[in-house]
Protein backbone atom coordinates (compact mmCIF):
# COMPACT_ATOMS: atom_id res chain seq x y z
CA MET A 1 -41.05 -17.16 38.59
CA THR A 2 -37.54 -16.36 40.10
CA LYS A 3 -36.50 -12.97 41.12
CA ARG A 4 -35.22 -11.36 38.18
CA GLU A 5 -39.23 -12.44 36.08
CA LYS A 6 -41.52 -11.03 39.39
CA GLY A 7 -38.78 -7.13 38.42
CA ARG A 8 -39.20 -7.26 35.24
CA LYS A 9 -43.38 -7.37 35.76
CA ILE A 10 -43.19 -4.76 38.97
CA VAL A 11 -41.18 -2.28 36.86
CA ALA A 12 -43.02 -2.48 34.03
CA LEU A 13 -46.74 -1.87 36.39
CA LEU A 14 -45.30 0.58 38.89
CA ALA A 15 -43.99 2.83 35.06
CA GLU A 16 -47.36 2.51 34.71
CA LYS A 17 -49.36 4.55 37.40
CA TYR A 18 -45.57 6.30 39.16
CA PRO A 19 -43.28 8.71 38.66
CA ALA A 20 -39.96 8.07 38.04
CA THR A 21 -38.49 11.61 39.61
CA CYS A 22 -37.26 12.72 42.64
CA SER A 23 -39.26 14.22 45.27
CA LEU A 24 -36.29 16.09 46.33
CA ASP A 25 -36.51 19.92 44.41
CA ALA A 26 -33.35 20.94 43.11
CA VAL A 27 -31.56 22.82 40.77
CA LYS A 28 -28.14 22.92 41.24
CA ASP A 29 -25.97 19.20 41.33
CA TYR A 30 -25.03 20.53 44.90
CA GLU A 31 -28.40 21.59 46.24
CA LEU A 32 -29.44 17.89 45.45
CA LEU A 33 -26.79 17.04 47.35
CA PHE A 34 -27.27 18.72 50.49
CA SER A 35 -31.40 19.29 49.70
CA VAL A 36 -30.43 14.96 50.62
CA ARG A 37 -28.52 15.63 53.38
CA LEU A 38 -31.41 17.34 54.98
CA ALA A 39 -34.49 14.97 54.21
CA ALA A 40 -32.77 12.42 56.47
CA GLN A 41 -35.35 11.58 59.34
CA CYS A 42 -37.36 14.43 58.18
CA THR A 43 -40.11 15.03 54.72
CA ASP A 44 -38.97 15.96 51.50
CA ALA A 45 -42.06 18.31 51.98
CA ARG A 46 -40.73 20.14 55.13
CA VAL A 47 -36.92 20.22 52.61
CA ASN A 48 -38.64 21.45 49.38
CA MET A 49 -39.89 24.06 51.72
CA ILE A 50 -36.44 24.91 53.77
CA THR A 51 -34.32 25.07 50.62
CA PRO A 52 -35.54 27.81 48.88
CA ILE A 53 -34.87 29.54 52.15
CA LEU A 54 -31.61 28.47 52.26
CA TYR A 55 -30.42 29.36 48.47
CA ALA A 56 -31.46 32.75 48.21
CA ARG A 57 -30.00 33.65 51.78
CA TYR A 58 -26.97 31.26 50.85
CA PRO A 59 -27.13 31.39 46.29
CA THR A 60 -23.79 30.04 45.50
CA LEU A 61 -21.69 27.79 47.26
CA GLU A 62 -18.62 29.69 48.15
CA ALA A 63 -21.45 31.66 49.26
CA ILE A 64 -22.61 27.95 51.57
CA ALA A 65 -18.75 27.59 52.26
CA GLY A 66 -18.36 30.98 54.04
CA ALA A 67 -21.99 30.75 55.87
CA ASP A 68 -21.58 31.16 59.56
CA LEU A 69 -23.22 28.74 61.38
CA ASP A 70 -24.71 29.22 63.48
CA GLU A 71 -27.14 31.75 60.92
CA LEU A 72 -27.32 28.53 58.17
CA CYS A 73 -28.63 26.58 61.28
CA ALA A 74 -31.31 28.95 61.85
CA ILE A 75 -32.42 28.34 58.18
CA ILE A 76 -32.44 24.95 58.52
CA LYS A 77 -33.74 24.03 61.85
CA PRO A 78 -36.89 22.67 61.29
CA CYS A 79 -36.04 19.93 58.81
CA GLY A 80 -33.83 18.69 62.51
CA PHE A 81 -30.70 17.46 63.73
CA PHE A 82 -29.86 20.67 62.13
CA ARG A 83 -26.43 21.10 64.05
CA ALA A 84 -24.83 17.26 62.08
CA LYS A 85 -26.68 18.99 59.25
CA GLY A 86 -25.09 22.38 59.16
CA LYS A 87 -22.05 21.32 59.83
CA ASP A 88 -22.21 18.27 57.49
CA ILE A 89 -23.49 21.43 54.67
CA ILE A 90 -20.60 23.72 55.54
CA ALA A 91 -17.54 21.26 54.80
CA SER A 92 -19.07 19.87 51.57
CA ALA A 93 -19.28 22.67 50.55
CA ASN A 94 -15.69 23.72 50.83
CA MET A 95 -14.26 20.00 50.16
CA LEU A 96 -16.61 20.48 46.91
CA LEU A 97 -14.39 23.85 46.30
CA GLN A 98 -10.95 22.50 47.30
CA ASN A 99 -11.22 19.21 46.43
CA PHE A 100 -13.59 19.10 43.33
CA GLY A 101 -13.57 22.15 41.71
CA GLY A 102 -17.14 22.77 42.89
CA VAL A 103 -18.72 19.86 41.00
CA VAL A 104 -20.74 17.34 42.41
CA PRO A 105 -18.44 14.28 41.51
CA ASP A 106 -19.44 11.15 39.71
CA THR A 107 -18.03 8.30 41.30
CA MET A 108 -19.19 6.81 44.66
CA GLU A 109 -15.61 6.31 46.31
CA GLU A 110 -14.99 10.16 45.68
CA LEU A 111 -18.87 11.19 46.77
CA LEU A 112 -18.49 8.83 50.30
CA LYS A 113 -15.21 11.08 50.86
CA LEU A 114 -17.69 14.35 51.26
CA PRO A 115 -19.28 14.77 54.84
CA GLY A 116 -22.56 13.76 55.76
CA VAL A 117 -22.42 11.37 52.82
CA GLY A 118 -23.91 7.24 52.85
CA ARG A 119 -24.14 5.41 50.20
CA LYS A 120 -27.96 6.14 50.03
CA THR A 121 -26.79 9.83 49.18
CA ALA A 122 -24.30 8.94 46.62
CA ASN A 123 -26.66 6.32 44.79
CA LEU A 124 -28.87 8.79 44.62
CA ILE A 125 -26.59 11.60 43.20
CA VAL A 126 -24.67 8.90 40.58
CA SER A 127 -27.71 8.12 39.17
CA ASP A 128 -30.33 11.50 39.05
CA LEU A 129 -27.03 13.55 38.82
CA TYR A 130 -25.22 10.99 36.31
CA GLY A 131 -27.71 8.31 35.10
CA LYS A 132 -25.56 5.68 35.91
CA PRO A 133 -27.56 1.98 37.69
CA ALA A 134 -28.28 2.28 41.35
CA VAL A 135 -30.28 1.45 43.79
CA VAL A 136 -31.12 3.79 46.10
CA ALA A 137 -31.66 1.59 49.77
CA ASP A 138 -33.76 4.01 51.30
CA THR A 139 -36.87 3.39 53.86
CA HIS A 140 -40.10 2.96 50.88
CA CYS A 141 -37.66 1.08 48.94
CA MET A 142 -36.08 -1.93 51.70
CA ARG A 143 -40.00 -2.46 52.78
CA ILE A 144 -41.47 -2.54 49.42
CA ALA A 145 -38.92 -5.20 48.79
CA ASN A 146 -39.39 -6.94 50.95
CA ARG A 147 -42.56 -7.21 50.67
CA LEU A 148 -42.42 -8.13 47.48
CA GLY A 149 -40.46 -10.76 47.64
CA LEU A 150 -37.80 -9.29 45.44
CA VAL A 151 -35.60 -9.16 48.63
CA THR A 152 -35.59 -10.79 51.92
CA CYS A 153 -32.51 -8.51 53.63
CA GLY A 154 -34.88 -6.80 55.93
CA SER A 155 -33.96 -3.13 57.15
CA ASP A 156 -30.07 -4.12 56.13
CA PRO A 157 -29.39 -1.27 53.36
CA TYR A 158 -26.40 -2.72 51.87
CA LYS A 159 -27.54 -6.24 51.58
CA VAL A 160 -30.75 -4.99 49.64
CA GLU A 161 -28.91 -2.75 47.49
CA MET A 162 -26.72 -5.55 47.13
CA ALA A 163 -29.63 -8.03 46.37
CA LEU A 164 -31.81 -5.67 44.67
CA GLY A 165 -29.35 -4.71 42.30
CA GLU A 166 -29.07 -8.67 41.32
CA VAL A 167 -32.83 -8.64 40.69
CA ILE A 168 -33.78 -5.38 38.75
CA ALA A 169 -31.60 -4.99 35.20
CA PRO A 170 -29.50 -1.79 36.07
CA ALA A 171 -31.33 0.15 32.75
CA ASP A 172 -34.11 0.53 35.10
CA GLN A 173 -32.91 0.49 39.49
CA ALA A 174 -32.87 4.16 39.72
CA ASP A 175 -36.91 4.82 38.06
CA LEU A 176 -37.76 1.87 40.16
CA CYS A 177 -36.46 3.61 43.57
CA HIS A 178 -37.72 6.47 42.17
CA ARG A 179 -41.33 4.73 41.72
CA PHE A 180 -40.89 3.24 44.88
CA VAL A 181 -41.15 6.04 46.57
CA HIS A 182 -44.14 7.58 44.76
CA PHE A 183 -45.84 4.27 45.97
CA GLY A 184 -44.85 3.57 49.62
CA ARG A 185 -46.64 6.65 49.86
CA ASP A 186 -49.54 6.42 48.02
CA VAL A 187 -50.62 2.65 48.43
CA CYS A 188 -47.86 0.43 50.33
CA VAL A 189 -47.54 2.85 53.30
CA ALA A 190 -45.27 1.36 56.88
CA ARG A 191 -48.80 1.20 58.22
CA LYS A 192 -51.61 -0.53 57.39
CA PRO A 193 -50.97 -0.92 53.93
CA ARG A 194 -53.97 -0.45 51.37
CA CYS A 195 -53.70 -3.44 49.26
CA GLY A 196 -56.55 -3.41 47.98
CA LEU A 197 -55.70 -0.74 45.77
CA CYS A 198 -52.53 -2.23 45.17
CA PRO A 199 -51.78 -2.68 41.62
CA LEU A 200 -48.73 -5.38 42.45
CA GLN A 201 -51.07 -7.74 44.18
CA ASP A 202 -50.01 -10.92 42.50
CA LEU A 203 -46.49 -10.43 42.69
CA CYS A 204 -46.39 -9.41 46.30
CA SER A 205 -45.05 -12.49 49.10
CA GLU A 206 -46.42 -10.31 51.52
CA HIS A 207 -50.77 -10.17 49.71
CA GLY A 208 -49.89 -13.95 49.56
CA LYS A 209 -49.35 -14.84 53.18
CA GLN A 210 -51.51 -13.67 54.70
CA MET A 211 -53.98 -14.95 51.97
CA SER A 212 -53.48 -18.46 53.51
CA LYS A 213 -53.74 -17.69 57.18
CA LYS A 214 -57.52 -16.27 55.88
CA THR A 215 -57.85 -19.01 53.95
CA SER A 216 -56.43 -22.06 55.50
């Protein structure tokens, strides 16, 4: 079986069990952008607890752009690395207003100009906001894609993004990455994956290796 054939089967099986939804709550385009920034080294659940407070205090992009750094940081402190995140959020708000007409841009090139935005964030934005094919190489995606044998790139986000993009059809890429997140929290966890409950056992390279060891 080729990696593309395996990819198609994995896409179909995960689509039966997990939603292709982002676990970060957001209504406006910039809210998603800032929520992703807050989620770095923080759980989505915690971010979703903090953002309603943040956006109630700063209900517009202009309000965020003009926010006092210390006051904004006090709100987002539970998300960790709050000083760096606060600076990036305020700087990005100002750049969006000054350079992009207050609209989150829809290209990788323009998104990467925003403070604190890397390829992972940019890919999520272009896929979720603008419906473009993109591989969001977050920790779940990298771990699961390697375990399944779809890629063999380890934990290099760029290499995983490029390799997975070669074996997953463009129309399925963004949805699969979202499903990987749900699947990674439910079954294919970082430590002690729940392989006995996994619907992908027969397609998983890592599971195959473990079974071979037991029978050797």
